[in-house]
Amino acid sequence: LMNLIGHHAENNAELVQQISVLSQNMGLYINSVEDLRKNIFCSF
């Protein structure tokens, strides 16, 4: 339930947003739902 500064996150989206920003700062590409479905299709 906690955000990066140790407080209760406002909502789930705050936690998602923090990971998204962290990923971008790490230079990582974040999959869209279209990317994910392509991965799922290929996995079969």
PDB file of all heavy atoms in Angstrom:
ATOM      1  N   LEU A   1       0.806  -1.218   0.000  1.00  0.00           N
ATOM      2  CA  LEU A   1       0.000   0.000   0.000  1.00  0.00           C
ATOM      3  C   LEU A   1       0.841   1.271   0.000  1.00  0.00           C
ATOM      4  O   LEU A   1       0.292   2.369  -0.124  1.00  0.00           O
ATOM      5  CB  LEU A   1      -0.910   0.038   1.240  1.00  0.00           C
ATOM      6  CG  LEU A   1      -1.899  -1.111   1.427  1.00  0.00           C
ATOM      7  CD1 LEU A   1      -2.591  -0.993   2.790  1.00  0.00           C
ATOM      8  CD2 LEU A   1      -2.929  -1.130   0.308  1.00  0.00           C
ATOM      9  N   MET A   2       2.181   1.126   0.127  1.00  0.00           N
ATOM     10  CA  MET A   2       3.028   2.289   0.352  1.00  0.00           C
ATOM     11  C   MET A   2       3.707   2.762  -0.932  1.00  0.00           C
ATOM     12  O   MET A   2       4.114   1.963  -1.776  1.00  0.00           O
ATOM     13  CB  MET A   2       4.122   1.939   1.377  1.00  0.00           C
ATOM     14  CG  MET A   2       3.594   1.294   2.650  1.00  0.00           C
ATOM     15  SD  MET A   2       2.409   2.317   3.560  1.00  0.00           S
ATOM     16  CE  MET A   2       3.520   3.565   4.216  1.00  0.00           C
ATOM     17  N   ASN A   3       3.847   4.093  -1.041  1.00  0.00           N
ATOM     18  CA  ASN A   3       4.569   4.648  -2.175  1.00  0.00           C
ATOM     19  C   ASN A   3       6.057   4.764  -1.857  1.00  0.00           C
ATOM     20  O   ASN A   3       6.518   4.346  -0.785  1.00  0.00           O
ATOM     21  CB  ASN A   3       3.969   6.000  -2.604  1.00  0.00           C
ATOM     22  CG  ASN A   3       4.069   7.063  -1.517  1.00  0.00           C
ATOM     23  OD1 ASN A   3       4.875   6.961  -0.584  1.00  0.00           O
ATOM     24  ND2 ASN A   3       3.249   8.088  -1.618  1.00  0.00           N
ATOM     25  N   LEU A   4       6.803   5.356  -2.770  1.00  0.00           N
ATOM     26  CA  LEU A   4       8.260   5.382  -2.634  1.00  0.00           C
ATOM     27  C   LEU A   4       8.756   6.206  -1.442  1.00  0.00           C
ATOM     28  O   LEU A   4       9.867   5.975  -0.956  1.00  0.00           O
ATOM     29  CB  LEU A   4       8.888   5.930  -3.924  1.00  0.00           C
ATOM     30  CG  LEU A   4       9.078   4.911  -5.052  1.00  0.00           C
ATOM     31  CD1 LEU A   4       9.491   5.618  -6.333  1.00  0.00           C
ATOM     32  CD2 LEU A   4      10.104   3.868  -4.668  1.00  0.00           C
ATOM     33  N   ILE A   5       7.960   7.138  -0.980  1.00  0.00           N
ATOM     34  CA  ILE A   5       8.407   7.958   0.158  1.00  0.00           C
ATOM     35  C   ILE A   5       7.829   7.461   1.475  1.00  0.00           C
ATOM     36  O   ILE A   5       7.912   8.136   2.498  1.00  0.00           O
ATOM     37  CB  ILE A   5       8.071   9.454  -0.056  1.00  0.00           C
ATOM     38  CG1 ILE A   5       6.551   9.666  -0.193  1.00  0.00           C
ATOM     39  CG2 ILE A   5       8.801   9.999  -1.263  1.00  0.00           C
ATOM     40  CD1 ILE A   5       6.172  11.151  -0.244  1.00  0.00           C
ATOM     41  N   GLY A   6       7.243   6.266   1.454  1.00  0.00           N
ATOM     42  CA  GLY A   6       6.798   5.635   2.694  1.00  0.00           C
ATOM     43  C   GLY A   6       5.435   6.057   3.182  1.00  0.00           C
ATOM     44  O   GLY A   6       5.078   5.768   4.332  1.00  0.00           O
ATOM     45  N   HIS A   7       4.658   6.723   2.347  1.00  0.00           N
ATOM     46  CA  HIS A   7       3.288   7.096   2.702  1.00  0.00           C
ATOM     47  C   HIS A   7       2.304   6.176   1.991  1.00  0.00           C
ATOM     48  O   HIS A   7       2.635   5.565   0.970  1.00  0.00           O
ATOM     49  CB  HIS A   7       3.003   8.549   2.301  1.00  0.00           C
ATOM     50  CG  HIS A   7       3.859   9.542   3.008  1.00  0.00           C
ATOM     51  ND1 HIS A   7       4.107  10.804   2.505  1.00  0.00           N
ATOM     52  CD2 HIS A   7       4.551   9.463   4.175  1.00  0.00           C
ATOM     53  CE1 HIS A   7       4.893  11.463   3.336  1.00  0.00           C
ATOM     54  NE2 HIS A   7       5.179  10.665   4.346  1.00  0.00           N
ATOM     55  N   HIS A   8       1.086   6.084   2.530  1.00  0.00           N
ATOM     56  CA  HIS A   8       0.057   5.343   1.824  1.00  0.00           C
ATOM     57  C   HIS A   8      -0.159   5.972   0.445  1.00  0.00           C
ATOM     58  O   HIS A   8      -0.358   7.181   0.335  1.00  0.00           O
ATOM     59  CB  HIS A   8      -1.268   5.369   2.609  1.00  0.00           C
ATOM     60  CG  HIS A   8      -1.421   4.213   3.543  1.00  0.00           C
ATOM     61  ND1 HIS A   8      -0.611   4.034   4.638  1.00  0.00           N
ATOM     62  CD2 HIS A   8      -2.295   3.156   3.533  1.00  0.00           C
ATOM     63  CE1 HIS A   8      -0.979   2.930   5.273  1.00  0.00           C
ATOM     64  NE2 HIS A   8      -1.978   2.374   4.627  1.00  0.00           N
ATOM     65  N   ALA A   9      -0.071   5.137  -0.586  1.00  0.00           N
ATOM     66  CA  ALA A   9      -0.330   5.636  -1.937  1.00  0.00           C
ATOM     67  C   ALA A   9      -1.766   6.120  -2.032  1.00  0.00           C
ATOM     68  O   ALA A   9      -2.664   5.597  -1.368  1.00  0.00           O
ATOM     69  CB  ALA A   9      -0.085   4.533  -2.957  1.00  0.00           C
ATOM     70  N   GLU A  10      -1.983   7.119  -2.877  1.00  0.00           N
ATOM     71  CA  GLU A  10      -3.333   7.650  -3.047  1.00  0.00           C
ATOM     72  C   GLU A  10      -4.258   6.589  -3.629  1.00  0.00           C
ATOM     73  O   GLU A  10      -5.410   6.455  -3.234  1.00  0.00           O
ATOM     74  CB  GLU A  10      -3.308   8.875  -3.953  1.00  0.00           C
ATOM     75  CG  GLU A  10      -4.678   9.492  -4.182  1.00  0.00           C
ATOM     76  CD  GLU A  10      -4.624  10.716  -5.085  1.00  0.00           C
ATOM     77  OE1 GLU A  10      -3.503  11.186  -5.382  1.00  0.00           O
ATOM     78  OE2 GLU A  10      -5.703  11.189  -5.495  1.00  0.00           O
ATOM     79  N   ASN A  11      -3.728   5.824  -4.569  1.00  0.00           N
ATOM     80  CA  ASN A  11      -4.512   4.773  -5.217  1.00  0.00           C
ATOM     81  C   ASN A  11      -3.545   3.834  -5.937  1.00  0.00           C
ATOM     82  O   ASN A  11      -2.322   4.038  -5.927  1.00  0.00           O
ATOM     83  CB  ASN A  11      -5.532   5.360  -6.197  1.00  0.00           C
ATOM     84  CG  ASN A  11      -4.919   6.384  -7.145  1.00  0.00           C
ATOM     85  OD1 ASN A  11      -3.763   6.226  -7.563  1.00  0.00           O
ATOM     86  ND2 ASN A  11      -5.664   7.424  -7.480  1.00  0.00           N
ATOM     87  N   ASN A  12      -4.083   2.787  -6.560  1.00  0.00           N
ATOM     88  CA  ASN A  12      -3.238   1.847  -7.298  1.00  0.00           C
ATOM     89  C   ASN A  12      -2.477   2.526  -8.428  1.00  0.00           C
ATOM     90  O   ASN A  12      -1.330   2.172  -8.718  1.00  0.00           O
ATOM     91  CB  ASN A  12      -4.101   0.724  -7.867  1.00  0.00           C
ATOM     92  CG  ASN A  12      -4.379  -0.384  -6.871  1.00  0.00           C
ATOM     93  OD1 ASN A  12      -3.531  -1.229  -6.606  1.00  0.00           O
ATOM     94  ND2 ASN A  12      -5.591  -0.375  -6.316  1.00  0.00           N
ATOM     95  N   ALA A  13      -3.116   3.487  -9.071  1.00  0.00           N
ATOM     96  CA  ALA A  13      -2.489   4.150 -10.211  1.00  0.00           C
ATOM     97  C   ALA A  13      -1.199   4.862  -9.823  1.00  0.00           C
ATOM     98  O   ALA A  13      -0.273   4.949 -10.635  1.00  0.00           O
ATOM     99  CB  ALA A  13      -3.467   5.126 -10.848  1.00  0.00           C
ATOM    100  N   GLU A  14      -1.121   5.343  -8.591  1.00  0.00           N
ATOM    101  CA  GLU A  14       0.115   5.996  -8.156  1.00  0.00           C
ATOM    102  C   GLU A  14       1.272   4.998  -8.156  1.00  0.00           C
ATOM    103  O   GLU A  14       2.390   5.329  -8.572  1.00  0.00           O
ATOM    104  CB  GLU A  14      -0.051   6.603  -6.758  1.00  0.00           C
ATOM    105  CG  GLU A  14       1.211   7.326  -6.289  1.00  0.00           C
ATOM    106  CD  GLU A  14       1.097   7.904  -4.884  1.00  0.00           C
ATOM    107  OE1 GLU A  14      -0.018   7.913  -4.316  1.00  0.00           O
ATOM    108  OE2 GLU A  14       2.138   8.339  -4.355  1.00  0.00           O
ATOM    109  N   LEU A  15       1.010   3.778  -7.714  1.00  0.00           N
ATOM    110  CA  LEU A  15       2.056   2.763  -7.700  1.00  0.00           C
ATOM    111  C   LEU A  15       2.453   2.365  -9.129  1.00  0.00           C
ATOM    112  O   LEU A  15       3.636   2.160  -9.418  1.00  0.00           O
ATOM    113  CB  LEU A  15       1.584   1.535  -6.918  1.00  0.00           C
ATOM    114  CG  LEU A  15       1.243   1.775  -5.440  1.00  0.00           C
ATOM    115  CD1 LEU A  15       0.815   0.472  -4.786  1.00  0.00           C
ATOM    116  CD2 LEU A  15       2.421   2.388  -4.693  1.00  0.00           C
ATOM    117  N   VAL A  16       1.465   2.250 -10.008  1.00  0.00           N
ATOM    118  CA  VAL A  16       1.756   1.955 -11.414  1.00  0.00           C
ATOM    119  C   VAL A  16       2.591   3.080 -12.026  1.00  0.00           C
ATOM    120  O   VAL A  16       3.575   2.835 -12.729  1.00  0.00           O
ATOM    121  CB  VAL A  16       0.459   1.750 -12.215  1.00  0.00           C
ATOM    122  CG1 VAL A  16       0.759   1.599 -13.706  1.00  0.00           C
ATOM    123  CG2 VAL A  16      -0.303   0.532 -11.715  1.00  0.00           C
ATOM    124  N   GLN A  17       2.202   4.315 -11.751  1.00  0.00           N
ATOM    125  CA  GLN A  17       2.907   5.471 -12.311  1.00  0.00           C
ATOM    126  C   GLN A  17       4.367   5.508 -11.848  1.00  0.00           C
ATOM    127  O   GLN A  17       5.276   5.801 -12.627  1.00  0.00           O
ATOM    128  CB  GLN A  17       2.203   6.760 -11.904  1.00  0.00           C
ATOM    129  CG  GLN A  17       2.844   8.032 -12.435  1.00  0.00           C
ATOM    130  CD  GLN A  17       2.748   8.149 -13.948  1.00  0.00           C
ATOM    131  OE1 GLN A  17       1.777   7.690 -14.545  1.00  0.00           O
ATOM    132  NE2 GLN A  17       3.758   8.733 -14.578  1.00  0.00           N
ATOM    133  N   GLN A  18       4.591   5.187 -10.571  1.00  0.00           N
ATOM    134  CA  GLN A  18       5.961   5.199 -10.053  1.00  0.00           C
ATOM    135  C   GLN A  18       6.826   4.164 -10.778  1.00  0.00           C
ATOM    136  O   GLN A  18       7.979   4.443 -11.115  1.00  0.00           O
ATOM    137  CB  GLN A  18       5.953   4.928  -8.547  1.00  0.00           C
ATOM    138  CG  GLN A  18       5.439   6.099  -7.739  1.00  0.00           C
ATOM    139  CD  GLN A  18       5.500   5.878  -6.240  1.00  0.00           C
ATOM    140  OE1 GLN A  18       5.368   6.800  -5.449  1.00  0.00           O
ATOM    141  NE2 GLN A  18       5.693   4.650  -5.828  1.00  0.00           N
ATOM    142  N   ILE A  19       6.277   2.983 -11.015  1.00  0.00           N
ATOM    143  CA  ILE A  19       7.021   1.949 -11.735  1.00  0.00           C
ATOM    144  C   ILE A  19       7.239   2.361 -13.186  1.00  0.00           C
ATOM    145  O   ILE A  19       8.306   2.121 -13.766  1.00  0.00           O
ATOM    146  CB  ILE A  19       6.289   0.603 -11.650  1.00  0.00           C
ATOM    147  CG1 ILE A  19       6.467  -0.007 -10.264  1.00  0.00           C
ATOM    148  CG2 ILE A  19       6.781  -0.372 -12.714  1.00  0.00           C
ATOM    149  CD1 ILE A  19       7.899  -0.393  -9.943  1.00  0.00           C
ATOM    150  N   SER A  20       6.251   2.981 -13.788  1.00  0.00           N
ATOM    151  CA  SER A  20       6.378   3.434 -15.169  1.00  0.00           C
ATOM    152  C   SER A  20       7.496   4.464 -15.306  1.00  0.00           C
ATOM    153  O   SER A  20       8.335   4.385 -16.207  1.00  0.00           O
ATOM    154  CB  SER A  20       5.054   4.026 -15.646  1.00  0.00           C
ATOM    155  OG  SER A  20       5.136   4.454 -16.985  1.00  0.00           O
ATOM    156  N   VAL A  21       7.529   5.428 -14.400  1.00  0.00           N
ATOM    157  CA  VAL A  21       8.570   6.457 -14.429  1.00  0.00           C
ATOM    158  C   VAL A  21       9.934   5.836 -14.158  1.00  0.00           C
ATOM    159  O   VAL A  21      10.929   6.153 -14.827  1.00  0.00           O
ATOM    160  CB  VAL A  21       8.259   7.564 -13.398  1.00  0.00           C
ATOM    161  CG1 VAL A  21       9.459   8.509 -13.243  1.00  0.00           C
ATOM    162  CG2 VAL A  21       7.021   8.335 -13.804  1.00  0.00           C
ATOM    163  N   LEU A  22       9.988   4.926 -13.181  1.00  0.00           N
ATOM    164  CA  LEU A  22      11.236   4.248 -12.863  1.00  0.00           C
ATOM    165  C   LEU A  22      11.754   3.481 -14.074  1.00  0.00           C
ATOM    166  O   LEU A  22      12.957   3.514 -14.392  1.00  0.00           O
ATOM    167  CB  LEU A  22      11.016   3.290 -11.694  1.00  0.00           C
ATOM    168  CG  LEU A  22      12.212   2.468 -11.215  1.00  0.00           C
ATOM    169  CD1 LEU A  22      13.331   3.373 -10.717  1.00  0.00           C
ATOM    170  CD2 LEU A  22      11.788   1.501 -10.114  1.00  0.00           C
ATOM    171  N   SER A  23      10.852   2.815 -14.782  1.00  0.00           N
ATOM    172  CA  SER A  23      11.234   2.061 -15.977  1.00  0.00           C
ATOM    173  C   SER A  23      11.818   2.982 -17.037  1.00  0.00           C
ATOM    174  O   SER A  23      12.846   2.671 -17.663  1.00  0.00           O
ATOM    175  CB  SER A  23      10.021   1.332 -16.547  1.00  0.00           C
ATOM    176  OG  SER A  23       9.426   0.492 -15.583  1.00  0.00           O
ATOM    177  N   GLN A  24      11.166   4.106 -17.251  1.00  0.00           N
ATOM    178  CA  GLN A  24      11.655   5.063 -18.234  1.00  0.00           C
ATOM    179  C   GLN A  24      13.033   5.586 -17.843  1.00  0.00           C
ATOM    180  O   GLN A  24      13.911   5.752 -18.699  1.00  0.00           O
ATOM    181  CB  GLN A  24      10.659   6.207 -18.372  1.00  0.00           C
ATOM    182  CG  GLN A  24       9.325   5.792 -18.986  1.00  0.00           C
ATOM    183  CD  GLN A  24       8.269   6.870 -18.853  1.00  0.00           C
ATOM    184  OE1 GLN A  24       8.573   8.043 -18.722  1.00  0.00           O
ATOM    185  NE2 GLN A  24       7.006   6.463 -18.862  1.00  0.00           N
ATOM    186  N   ASN A  25      13.228   5.837 -16.544  1.00  0.00           N
ATOM    187  CA  ASN A  25      14.521   6.323 -16.065  1.00  0.00           C
ATOM    188  C   ASN A  25      15.623   5.279 -16.255  1.00  0.00           C
ATOM    189  O   ASN A  25      16.802   5.617 -16.372  1.00  0.00           O
ATOM    190  CB  ASN A  25      14.434   6.723 -14.603  1.00  0.00           C
ATOM    191  CG  ASN A  25      13.593   7.975 -14.381  1.00  0.00           C
ATOM    192  OD1 ASN A  25      13.357   8.739 -15.327  1.00  0.00           O
ATOM    193  ND2 ASN A  25      13.144   8.193 -13.162  1.00  0.00           N
ATOM    194  N   MET A  26      15.215   3.995 -16.273  1.00  0.00           N
ATOM    195  CA  MET A  26      16.170   2.904 -16.498  1.00  0.00           C
ATOM    196  C   MET A  26      16.398   2.653 -17.987  1.00  0.00           C
ATOM    197  O   MET A  26      17.185   1.779 -18.362  1.00  0.00           O
ATOM    198  CB  MET A  26      15.661   1.614 -15.835  1.00  0.00           C
ATOM    199  CG  MET A  26      15.619   1.674 -14.320  1.00  0.00           C
ATOM    200  SD  MET A  26      14.783   0.208 -13.601  1.00  0.00           S
ATOM    201  CE  MET A  26      15.961  -1.101 -13.993  1.00  0.00           C
ATOM    202  N   GLY A  27      15.688   3.403 -18.827  1.00  0.00           N
ATOM    203  CA  GLY A  27      15.831   3.242 -20.268  1.00  0.00           C
ATOM    204  C   GLY A  27      15.128   2.022 -20.813  1.00  0.00           C
ATOM    205  O   GLY A  27      15.490   1.511 -21.878  1.00  0.00           O
ATOM    206  N   LEU A  28      14.104   1.548 -20.110  1.00  0.00           N
ATOM    207  CA  LEU A  28      13.387   0.342 -20.512  1.00  0.00           C
ATOM    208  C   LEU A  28      12.122   0.687 -21.275  1.00  0.00           C
ATOM    209  O   LEU A  28      11.425   1.642 -20.945  1.00  0.00           O
ATOM    210  CB  LEU A  28      13.012  -0.493 -19.273  1.00  0.00           C
ATOM    211  CG  LEU A  28      14.178  -0.986 -18.425  1.00  0.00           C
ATOM    212  CD1 LEU A  28      13.661  -1.674 -17.169  1.00  0.00           C
ATOM    213  CD2 LEU A  28      15.074  -1.915 -19.219  1.00  0.00           C
ATOM    214  N   TYR A  29      11.844  -0.109 -22.285  1.00  0.00           N
ATOM    215  CA  TYR A  29      10.611   0.038 -23.050  1.00  0.00           C
ATOM    216  C   TYR A  29       9.481  -0.649 -22.290  1.00  0.00           C
ATOM    217  O   TYR A  29       9.623  -1.788 -21.828  1.00  0.00           O
ATOM    218  CB  TYR A  29      10.779  -0.593 -24.435  1.00  0.00           C
ATOM    219  CG  TYR A  29       9.536  -0.540 -25.281  1.00  0.00           C
ATOM    220  CD1 TYR A  29       9.207   0.604 -25.997  1.00  0.00           C
ATOM    221  CD2 TYR A  29       8.687  -1.637 -25.360  1.00  0.00           C
ATOM    222  CE1 TYR A  29       8.061   0.656 -26.782  1.00  0.00           C
ATOM    223  CE2 TYR A  29       7.541  -1.596 -26.143  1.00  0.00           C
ATOM    224  CZ  TYR A  29       7.237  -0.444 -26.850  1.00  0.00           C
ATOM    225  OH  TYR A  29       6.099  -0.397 -27.621  1.00  0.00           O
ATOM    226  N   ILE A  30       8.344   0.040 -22.145  1.00  0.00           N
ATOM    227  CA  ILE A  30       7.183  -0.510 -21.445  1.00  0.00           C
ATOM    228  C   ILE A  30       6.150  -0.959 -22.463  1.00  0.00           C
ATOM    229  O   ILE A  30       5.721  -0.183 -23.325  1.00  0.00           O
ATOM    230  CB  ILE A  30       6.576   0.537 -20.490  1.00  0.00           C
ATOM    231  CG1 ILE A  30       7.612   0.947 -19.444  1.00  0.00           C
ATOM    232  CG2 ILE A  30       5.330  -0.028 -19.805  1.00  0.00           C
ATOM    233  CD1 ILE A  30       8.156  -0.189 -18.622  1.00  0.00           C
ATOM    234  N   ASN A  31       5.757  -2.215 -22.365  1.00  0.00           N
ATOM    235  CA  ASN A  31       4.808  -2.775 -23.320  1.00  0.00           C
ATOM    236  C   ASN A  31       3.429  -2.133 -23.208  1.00  0.00           C
ATOM    237  O   ASN A  31       2.908  -1.941 -22.107  1.00  0.00           O
ATOM    238  CB  ASN A  31       4.650  -4.278 -23.100  1.00  0.00           C
ATOM    239  CG  ASN A  31       5.845  -5.073 -23.565  1.00  0.00           C
ATOM    240  OD1 ASN A  31       6.565  -4.659 -24.468  1.00  0.00           O
ATOM    241  ND2 ASN A  31       6.066  -6.223 -22.952  1.00  0.00           N
ATOM    242  N   SER A  32       2.848  -1.844 -24.355  1.00  0.00           N
ATOM    243  CA  SER A  32       1.441  -1.471 -24.430  1.00  0.00           C
ATOM    244  C   SER A  32       0.617  -2.740 -24.428  1.00  0.00           C
ATOM    245  O   SER A  32       1.155  -3.857 -24.517  1.00  0.00           O
ATOM    246  CB  SER A  32       1.182  -0.687 -25.714  1.00  0.00           C
ATOM    247  OG  SER A  32       1.358  -1.543 -26.844  1.00  0.00           O
ATOM    248  N   VAL A  33      -0.696  -2.609 -24.368  1.00  0.00           N
ATOM    249  CA  VAL A  33      -1.550  -3.800 -24.427  1.00  0.00           C
ATOM    250  C   VAL A  33      -1.399  -4.491 -25.781  1.00  0.00           C
ATOM    251  O   VAL A  33      -1.457  -5.729 -25.871  1.00  0.00           O
ATOM    252  CB  VAL A  33      -3.016  -3.444 -24.116  1.00  0.00           C
ATOM    253  CG1 VAL A  33      -3.636  -2.597 -25.221  1.00  0.00           C
ATOM    254  CG2 VAL A  33      -3.840  -4.709 -23.878  1.00  0.00           C
ATOM    255  N   GLU A  34      -1.159  -3.726 -26.835  1.00  0.00           N
ATOM    256  CA  GLU A  34      -0.943  -4.328 -28.155  1.00  0.00           C
ATOM    257  C   GLU A  34       0.356  -5.145 -28.171  1.00  0.00           C
ATOM    258  O   GLU A  34       0.392  -6.248 -28.730  1.00  0.00           O
ATOM    259  CB  GLU A  34      -0.893  -3.242 -29.236  1.00  0.00           C
ATOM    260  CG  GLU A  34      -2.206  -2.537 -29.495  1.00  0.00           C
ATOM    261  CD  GLU A  34      -2.477  -1.404 -28.513  1.00  0.00           C
ATOM    262  OE1 GLU A  34      -1.569  -1.047 -27.728  1.00  0.00           O
ATOM    263  OE2 GLU A  34      -3.603  -0.879 -28.533  1.00  0.00           O
ATOM    264  N   ASP A  35       1.406  -4.595 -27.572  1.00  0.00           N
ATOM    265  CA  ASP A  35       2.666  -5.336 -27.467  1.00  0.00           C
ATOM    266  C   ASP A  35       2.459  -6.633 -26.688  1.00  0.00           C
ATOM    267  O   ASP A  35       2.964  -7.692 -27.076  1.00  0.00           O
ATOM    268  CB  ASP A  35       3.729  -4.501 -26.751  1.00  0.00           C
ATOM    269  CG  ASP A  35       4.124  -3.249 -27.490  1.00  0.00           C
ATOM    270  OD1 ASP A  35       4.201  -3.289 -28.735  1.00  0.00           O
ATOM    271  OD2 ASP A  35       4.359  -2.229 -26.822  1.00  0.00           O
ATOM    272  N   LEU A  36       1.752  -6.529 -25.577  1.00  0.00           N
ATOM    273  CA  LEU A  36       1.519  -7.699 -24.737  1.00  0.00           C
ATOM    274  C   LEU A  36       0.770  -8.778 -25.491  1.00  0.00           C
ATOM    275  O   LEU A  36       1.126  -9.964 -25.436  1.00  0.00           O
ATOM    276  CB  LEU A  36       0.752  -7.294 -23.473  1.00  0.00           C
ATOM    277  CG  LEU A  36       0.334  -8.435 -22.535  1.00  0.00           C
ATOM    278  CD1 LEU A  36       1.535  -9.258 -22.090  1.00  0.00           C
ATOM    279  CD2 LEU A  36      -0.427  -7.881 -21.326  1.00  0.00           C
ATOM    280  N   ARG A  37      -0.258  -8.397 -26.226  1.00  0.00           N
ATOM    281  CA  ARG A  37      -1.031  -9.402 -26.964  1.00  0.00           C
ATOM    282  C   ARG A  37      -0.184 -10.030 -28.080  1.00  0.00           C
ATOM    283  O   ARG A  37      -0.353 -11.217 -28.382  1.00  0.00           O
ATOM    284  CB  ARG A  37      -2.319  -8.780 -27.510  1.00  0.00           C
ATOM    285  CG  ARG A  37      -3.371  -8.582 -26.419  1.00  0.00           C
ATOM    286  CD  ARG A  37      -4.780  -8.452 -26.982  1.00  0.00           C
ATOM    287  NE  ARG A  37      -5.759  -8.508 -25.898  1.00  0.00           N
ATOM    288  CZ  ARG A  37      -6.418  -7.450 -25.419  1.00  0.00           C
ATOM    289  NH1 ARG A  37      -6.202  -6.252 -25.937  1.00  0.00           N
ATOM    290  NH2 ARG A  37      -7.264  -7.594 -24.433  1.00  0.00           N
ATOM    291  N   LYS A  38       0.716  -9.277 -28.676  1.00  0.00           N
ATOM    292  CA  LYS A  38       1.627  -9.874 -29.654  1.00  0.00           C
ATOM    293  C   LYS A  38       2.512 -10.910 -28.978  1.00  0.00           C
ATOM    294  O   LYS A  38       2.760 -12.003 -29.514  1.00  0.00           O
ATOM    295  CB  LYS A  38       2.491  -8.793 -30.310  1.00  0.00           C
ATOM    296  CG  LYS A  38       1.748  -7.902 -31.288  1.00  0.00           C
ATOM    297  CD  LYS A  38       2.669  -6.820 -31.835  1.00  0.00           C
ATOM    298  CE  LYS A  38       1.915  -5.869 -32.754  1.00  0.00           C
ATOM    299  NZ  LYS A  38       2.790  -4.758 -33.230  1.00  0.00           N
ATOM    300  N   ASN A  39       3.003 -10.593 -27.766  1.00  0.00           N
ATOM    301  CA  ASN A  39       3.824 -11.537 -27.009  1.00  0.00           C
ATOM    302  C   ASN A  39       3.030 -12.791 -26.669  1.00  0.00           C
ATOM    303  O   ASN A  39       3.546 -13.910 -26.745  1.00  0.00           O
ATOM    304  CB  ASN A  39       4.340 -10.891 -25.727  1.00  0.00           C
ATOM    305  CG  ASN A  39       5.400  -9.839 -25.983  1.00  0.00           C
ATOM    306  OD1 ASN A  39       5.982  -9.771 -27.066  1.00  0.00           O
ATOM    307  ND2 ASN A  39       5.649  -9.008 -24.995  1.00  0.00           N
ATOM    308  N   ILE A  40       1.786 -12.592 -26.251  1.00  0.00           N
ATOM    309  CA  ILE A  40       0.922 -13.730 -25.915  1.00  0.00           C
ATOM    310  C   ILE A  40       0.703 -14.616 -27.126  1.00  0.00           C
ATOM    311  O   ILE A  40       0.838 -15.843 -27.061  1.00  0.00           O
ATOM    312  CB  ILE A  40      -0.418 -13.232 -25.336  1.00  0.00           C
ATOM    313  CG1 ILE A  40      -0.210 -12.591 -23.957  1.00  0.00           C
ATOM    314  CG2 ILE A  40      -1.430 -14.375 -25.253  1.00  0.00           C
ATOM    315  CD1 ILE A  40      -1.460 -11.934 -23.381  1.00  0.00           C
ATOM    316  N   PHE A  41       0.386 -13.992 -28.254  1.00  0.00           N
ATOM    317  CA  PHE A  41       0.154 -14.743 -29.490  1.00  0.00           C
ATOM    318  C   PHE A  41       1.394 -15.559 -29.863  1.00  0.00           C
ATOM    319  O   PHE A  41       1.305 -16.753 -30.177  1.00  0.00           O
ATOM    320  CB  PHE A  41      -0.209 -13.784 -30.618  1.00  0.00           C
ATOM    321  CG  PHE A  41      -0.389 -14.444 -31.964  1.00  0.00           C
ATOM    322  CD1 PHE A  41      -1.565 -15.111 -32.277  1.00  0.00           C
ATOM    323  CD2 PHE A  41       0.639 -14.419 -32.903  1.00  0.00           C
ATOM    324  CE1 PHE A  41      -1.709 -15.733 -33.506  1.00  0.00           C
ATOM    325  CE2 PHE A  41       0.499 -15.038 -34.119  1.00  0.00           C
ATOM    326  CZ  PHE A  41      -0.691 -15.704 -34.435  1.00  0.00           C
ATOM    327  N   CYS A  42       2.565 -14.920 -29.780  1.00  0.00           N
ATOM    328  CA  CYS A  42       3.799 -15.604 -30.143  1.00  0.00           C
ATOM    329  C   CYS A  42       4.139 -16.714 -29.160  1.00  0.00           C
ATOM    330  O   CYS A  42       4.781 -17.704 -29.524  1.00  0.00           O
ATOM    331  CB  CYS A  42       4.960 -14.609 -30.229  1.00  0.00           C
ATOM    332  SG  CYS A  42       4.833 -13.469 -31.619  1.00  0.00           S
ATOM    333  N   SER A  43       3.722 -16.572 -27.905  1.00  0.00           N
ATOM    334  CA  SER A  43       4.062 -17.582 -26.898  1.00  0.00           C
ATOM    335  C   SER A  43       3.438 -18.941 -27.193  1.00  0.00           C
ATOM    336  O   SER A  43       3.928 -19.967 -26.725  1.00  0.00           O
ATOM    337  CB  SER A  43       3.640 -17.101 -25.507  1.00  0.00           C
ATOM    338  OG  SER A  43       2.234 -17.208 -25.319  1.00  0.00           O
ATOM    339  N   PHE A  44       2.358 -18.959 -27.954  1.00  0.00           N
ATOM    340  CA  PHE A  44       1.712 -20.224 -28.292  1.00  0.00           C
ATOM    341  C   PHE A  44       2.377 -20.909 -29.480  1.00  0.00           C
ATOM    342  O   PHE A  44       2.078 -22.052 -29.787  1.00  0.00           O
ATOM    343  CB  PHE A  44       0.226 -19.997 -28.588  1.00  0.00           C
ATOM    344  CG  PHE A  44      -0.582 -19.731 -27.347  1.00  0.00           C
ATOM    345  CD1 PHE A  44      -0.965 -18.432 -27.014  1.00  0.00           C
ATOM    346  CD2 PHE A  44      -0.956 -20.768 -26.503  1.00  0.00           C
ATOM    347  CE1 PHE A  44      -1.704 -18.184 -25.863  1.00  0.00           C
ATOM    348  CE2 PHE A  44      -1.691 -20.521 -25.363  1.00  0.00           C
ATOM    349  CZ  PHE A  44      -2.065 -19.228 -25.035  1.00  0.00           C
TER     350      PHE A  44
END
